[in-house]
Protein backbone atom coordinates (compact mmCIF):
# COMPACT_ATOMS: atom_id res chain seq x y z
CA MET A 1 41.55 -36.80 -2.93
CA LEU A 2 40.84 -38.29 0.53
CA LEU A 3 44.31 -37.45 1.72
CA THR A 4 44.00 -33.90 0.37
CA THR A 5 40.66 -33.41 2.08
CA GLY A 6 42.08 -34.78 5.33
CA ALA A 7 45.10 -32.48 5.11
CA ILE A 8 42.87 -29.46 4.50
CA ALA A 9 40.67 -30.39 7.47
CA LEU A 10 43.65 -30.81 9.77
CA ASN A 11 45.08 -27.50 8.75
CA ALA A 12 41.70 -25.81 9.27
CA ILE A 13 41.50 -27.26 12.77
CA ALA A 14 45.06 -26.19 13.51
CA TRP A 15 44.27 -22.67 12.27
CA MET A 16 41.20 -22.51 14.55
CA GLN A 17 43.19 -23.66 17.53
CA ALA A 18 45.94 -21.12 16.87
CA TYR A 19 43.39 -18.32 16.37
CA SER A 20 41.61 -19.11 19.62
CA MET A 21 44.89 -19.08 21.54
CA THR A 22 45.93 -15.67 20.13
CA HIS A 23 42.59 -13.86 20.01
CA PHE A 24 40.97 -13.46 23.37
CA VAL A 25 37.18 -12.93 23.51
CA GLU A 26 35.84 -9.67 24.93
CA ALA A 27 33.23 -11.37 27.09
CA GLY A 28 32.21 -14.81 28.29
CA GLN A 29 33.66 -17.52 30.40
CA ARG A 30 36.98 -19.31 29.98
CA THR A 31 36.71 -22.85 28.64
CA ALA A 32 36.47 -25.28 31.56
CA LYS A 33 39.09 -27.94 32.38
CA PRO A 34 38.95 -30.98 30.09
CA GLU A 35 38.00 -33.39 32.86
CA THR A 36 34.80 -31.45 33.49
CA LEU A 37 33.66 -31.41 29.85
CA SER A 38 31.27 -33.78 28.13
CA ALA A 39 32.34 -35.70 25.01
CA ILE A 40 30.38 -33.30 22.82
CA ASP A 41 31.99 -30.27 24.41
CA LYS A 42 35.45 -31.78 23.94
CA LEU A 43 34.74 -32.42 20.26
CA ARG A 44 33.52 -28.87 19.81
CA ILE A 45 36.71 -27.52 21.38
CA VAL A 46 38.86 -29.73 19.17
CA LEU A 47 37.11 -28.25 16.15
CA THR A 48 36.74 -24.64 17.18
CA GLY A 49 39.38 -24.03 19.87
CA VAL A 50 39.16 -22.78 23.44
CA GLU A 51 37.61 -19.56 24.61
CA ILE A 52 39.77 -17.28 26.74
CA PRO A 53 38.33 -13.93 27.87
CA ARG A 54 40.64 -11.01 27.32
CA PRO A 55 42.77 -10.80 30.50
CA THR A 56 42.27 -7.61 32.54
CA ASN A 57 43.92 -6.10 35.57
CA HIS A 58 41.88 -6.85 38.70
CA LEU A 59 44.38 -5.42 41.15
CA THR A 60 46.99 -2.64 41.08
CA PRO A 61 50.18 -2.10 43.15
CA GLN A 62 48.03 -0.24 45.65
CA ALA A 63 46.73 -3.62 46.76
CA ILE A 64 50.21 -4.32 48.17
CA ALA A 65 50.70 -0.78 49.50
CA LEU A 66 52.91 0.39 46.58
CA ASP A 67 52.48 3.72 44.76
CA HIS A 68 52.54 3.51 40.99
CA LYS A 69 52.01 5.49 37.82
CA THR A 70 50.50 4.10 34.65
CA ALA A 71 52.41 4.68 31.38
CA GLN A 72 51.75 3.86 27.75
CA ILE A 73 54.83 2.72 25.84
CA ALA A 74 54.52 3.29 22.10
CA ILE A 75 55.25 0.37 19.81
CA SER A 76 53.97 2.11 16.69
CA ASP A 77 51.51 4.85 15.79
CA SER A 78 48.66 2.46 16.49
CA GLU A 79 49.91 0.10 19.21
CA THR A 80 50.99 0.66 22.83
CA LEU A 81 51.96 -1.32 25.82
CA GLU A 82 50.47 -0.57 29.25
CA ALA A 83 53.06 -0.35 32.00
CA TRP A 84 52.99 0.29 35.77
CA TYR A 85 55.98 2.19 37.16
CA VAL A 86 56.66 1.61 40.85
CA PRO A 87 59.28 4.09 42.22
CA ARG A 88 61.81 3.32 44.89
CA SER A 89 64.05 5.80 46.68
CA HIS A 90 67.78 4.92 46.71
CA SER A 91 67.08 2.34 44.03
CA ARG A 92 69.54 -0.45 43.34
CA GLY A 93 68.25 -0.83 39.79
CA ILE A 94 65.16 -1.06 37.68
CA VAL A 95 63.39 -4.39 37.14
CA LEU A 96 61.24 -4.82 34.06
CA MET A 97 58.63 -7.51 34.75
CA PHE A 98 56.70 -9.49 32.17
CA PRO A 99 53.62 -11.71 33.00
CA PRO A 100 52.78 -15.28 31.80
CA TYR A 101 50.54 -16.17 28.87
CA ALA A 102 46.95 -14.94 29.37
CA GLY A 103 48.15 -13.09 32.49
CA THR A 104 48.33 -9.40 33.34
CA ASN A 105 50.48 -7.26 35.54
CA ASP A 106 48.50 -8.13 38.66
CA ALA A 107 49.85 -11.71 38.34
CA LEU A 108 53.27 -10.24 39.16
CA LEU A 109 52.39 -8.34 42.33
CA ALA A 110 53.71 -10.84 44.85
CA SER A 111 57.10 -10.92 43.10
CA ALA A 112 57.00 -7.17 42.66
CA LYS A 113 56.56 -6.66 46.37
CA LEU A 114 59.58 -8.87 47.07
CA LEU A 115 61.80 -7.06 44.54
CA HIS A 116 60.70 -3.65 45.80
CA ASP A 117 61.50 -4.67 49.40
CA LEU A 118 64.97 -5.68 48.12
CA GLY A 119 65.53 -2.14 46.90
CA PHE A 120 64.45 -2.03 43.25
CA GLU A 121 62.15 0.23 41.33
CA LEU A 122 59.85 -1.61 38.99
CA LEU A 123 58.24 -1.43 35.56
CA LEU A 124 55.52 -4.02 35.05
CA ILE A 125 54.56 -4.40 31.37
CA ASN A 126 51.42 -5.93 29.90
CA PHE A 127 52.11 -7.69 26.58
CA ARG A 128 50.05 -6.78 23.54
CA GLY A 129 46.49 -8.08 23.74
CA VAL A 130 46.13 -8.03 27.59
CA GLY A 131 45.24 -5.49 30.21
CA GLY A 132 45.42 -1.93 28.90
CA SER A 133 47.78 -2.84 26.04
CA SER A 134 46.47 -2.69 22.49
CA GLY A 135 46.48 -5.36 19.78
CA SER A 136 46.22 -9.12 20.00
CA THR A 137 48.46 -11.64 21.70
CA THR A 138 50.89 -14.14 20.19
CA LEU A 139 52.46 -17.29 21.52
CA GLY A 140 55.84 -15.68 22.03
CA VAL A 141 56.42 -14.42 18.46
CA ARG A 142 55.85 -10.71 19.04
CA LYS A 143 56.33 -10.78 22.78
CA ALA A 144 60.12 -10.59 22.25
CA GLU A 145 59.50 -7.38 20.30
CA ASP A 146 57.43 -6.10 23.28
CA VAL A 147 60.38 -6.82 25.60
CA ALA A 148 62.79 -4.98 23.30
CA VAL A 149 60.50 -1.95 23.09
CA ALA A 150 60.15 -1.88 26.91
CA VAL A 151 63.94 -2.16 27.29
CA ALA A 152 64.50 0.79 24.96
CA TYR A 153 61.93 2.83 26.91
CA ALA A 154 63.61 2.03 30.22
CA LYS A 155 67.09 2.83 28.94
CA GLN A 156 65.96 6.26 27.83
CA ARG A 157 64.59 7.06 31.29
CA TRP A 158 66.91 5.17 33.68
CA ALA A 159 70.15 5.12 31.70
CA LYS A 160 72.35 5.01 34.78
CA GLN A 161 70.44 2.31 36.62
CA PRO A 162 71.29 -1.43 36.41
CA LEU A 163 68.54 -2.98 34.21
CA ILE A 164 67.14 -6.37 35.21
CA LEU A 165 64.58 -8.38 33.27
CA TYR A 166 62.08 -10.64 35.09
CA GLY A 167 59.83 -13.02 33.15
CA ALA A 168 57.26 -15.49 34.40
CA SER A 169 56.44 -18.57 32.27
CA MET A 170 55.73 -17.27 28.76
CA GLY A 171 57.14 -13.95 29.94
CA ALA A 172 60.40 -15.76 30.63
CA THR A 173 60.34 -17.20 27.10
CA ALA A 174 59.85 -13.74 25.69
CA VAL A 175 62.79 -12.33 27.71
CA MET A 176 65.13 -15.07 26.53
CA ARG A 177 63.91 -14.76 22.94
CA ALA A 178 64.49 -11.01 23.04
CA ILE A 179 68.04 -11.47 24.28
CA ALA A 180 68.76 -14.00 21.51
CA GLN A 181 66.99 -12.23 18.61
CA GLN A 182 66.63 -8.53 19.49
CA SER A 183 70.22 -8.10 20.71
CA ILE A 184 69.19 -6.57 24.05
CA LYS A 185 71.76 -6.62 26.81
CA PRO A 186 70.25 -6.49 30.38
CA ASP A 187 72.51 -6.38 33.37
CA ALA A 188 70.74 -9.37 34.87
CA VAL A 189 67.92 -11.79 34.11
CA ILE A 190 65.45 -13.50 36.42
CA VAL A 191 63.17 -16.17 34.92
CA LYS A 192 60.37 -18.07 36.72
CA VAL A 193 58.92 -21.26 35.30
CA ARG A 194 56.29 -22.75 37.59
CA SER A 195 57.92 -22.77 41.01
CA ILE A 196 61.51 -22.71 39.75
CA VAL A 197 63.31 -19.35 39.73
CA CYS A 198 66.63 -18.94 37.92
CA CYS A 199 68.77 -15.83 37.99
CA THR A 200 72.03 -14.74 36.50
CA GLN A 201 75.05 -14.39 38.75
CA TYR A 202 74.71 -10.61 38.82
CA ALA A 203 71.08 -10.81 39.96
CA ILE A 204 72.15 -13.07 42.83
CA ALA A 205 74.90 -10.64 43.77
CA LEU A 206 72.43 -7.73 43.82
CA ARG A 207 70.19 -9.67 46.23
CA GLN A 208 72.98 -10.13 48.79
């Protein structure tokens, strides 16, 4: 009985942790860093999970002097992804950009500026649950579906353009998962994990 009760308690705690990581709160402050918390606060977080306010866009491409249009990409009748399209004359290709966990499109603006200067038009996509996208977030499970939906959208509109995928942190995981499980075939991939940037050979060739 004691083991059963313990197992139930551990599963309940795990469920609360998973729920808090995938369901952002609409208002409030993000849980502080562990080193700043009291013992009681740490215990409460272990039992109930962290609080992460729903990520919102604080900046737009206009902050880096880039024109853009906002689009809604349909996933289903009830869910959409918010995307920013940044045009580029004489484009060398279209780069689809995906932000990190608990991040929005504005986290990609520095990289977007660099890629735009290199001659690419851009489509920055907010995953479900953040920014102007609908739904709730997941730790990579449905993000691969979001990538696949965005790729299908881009291929319909820019069929003749080389298609490059850019993912930062969890966005990189979603890109690689989509390639493995959703059978998408981009022309090049750029993934950024912390300060390390990896690109496929074709992406390096495009930069030269």
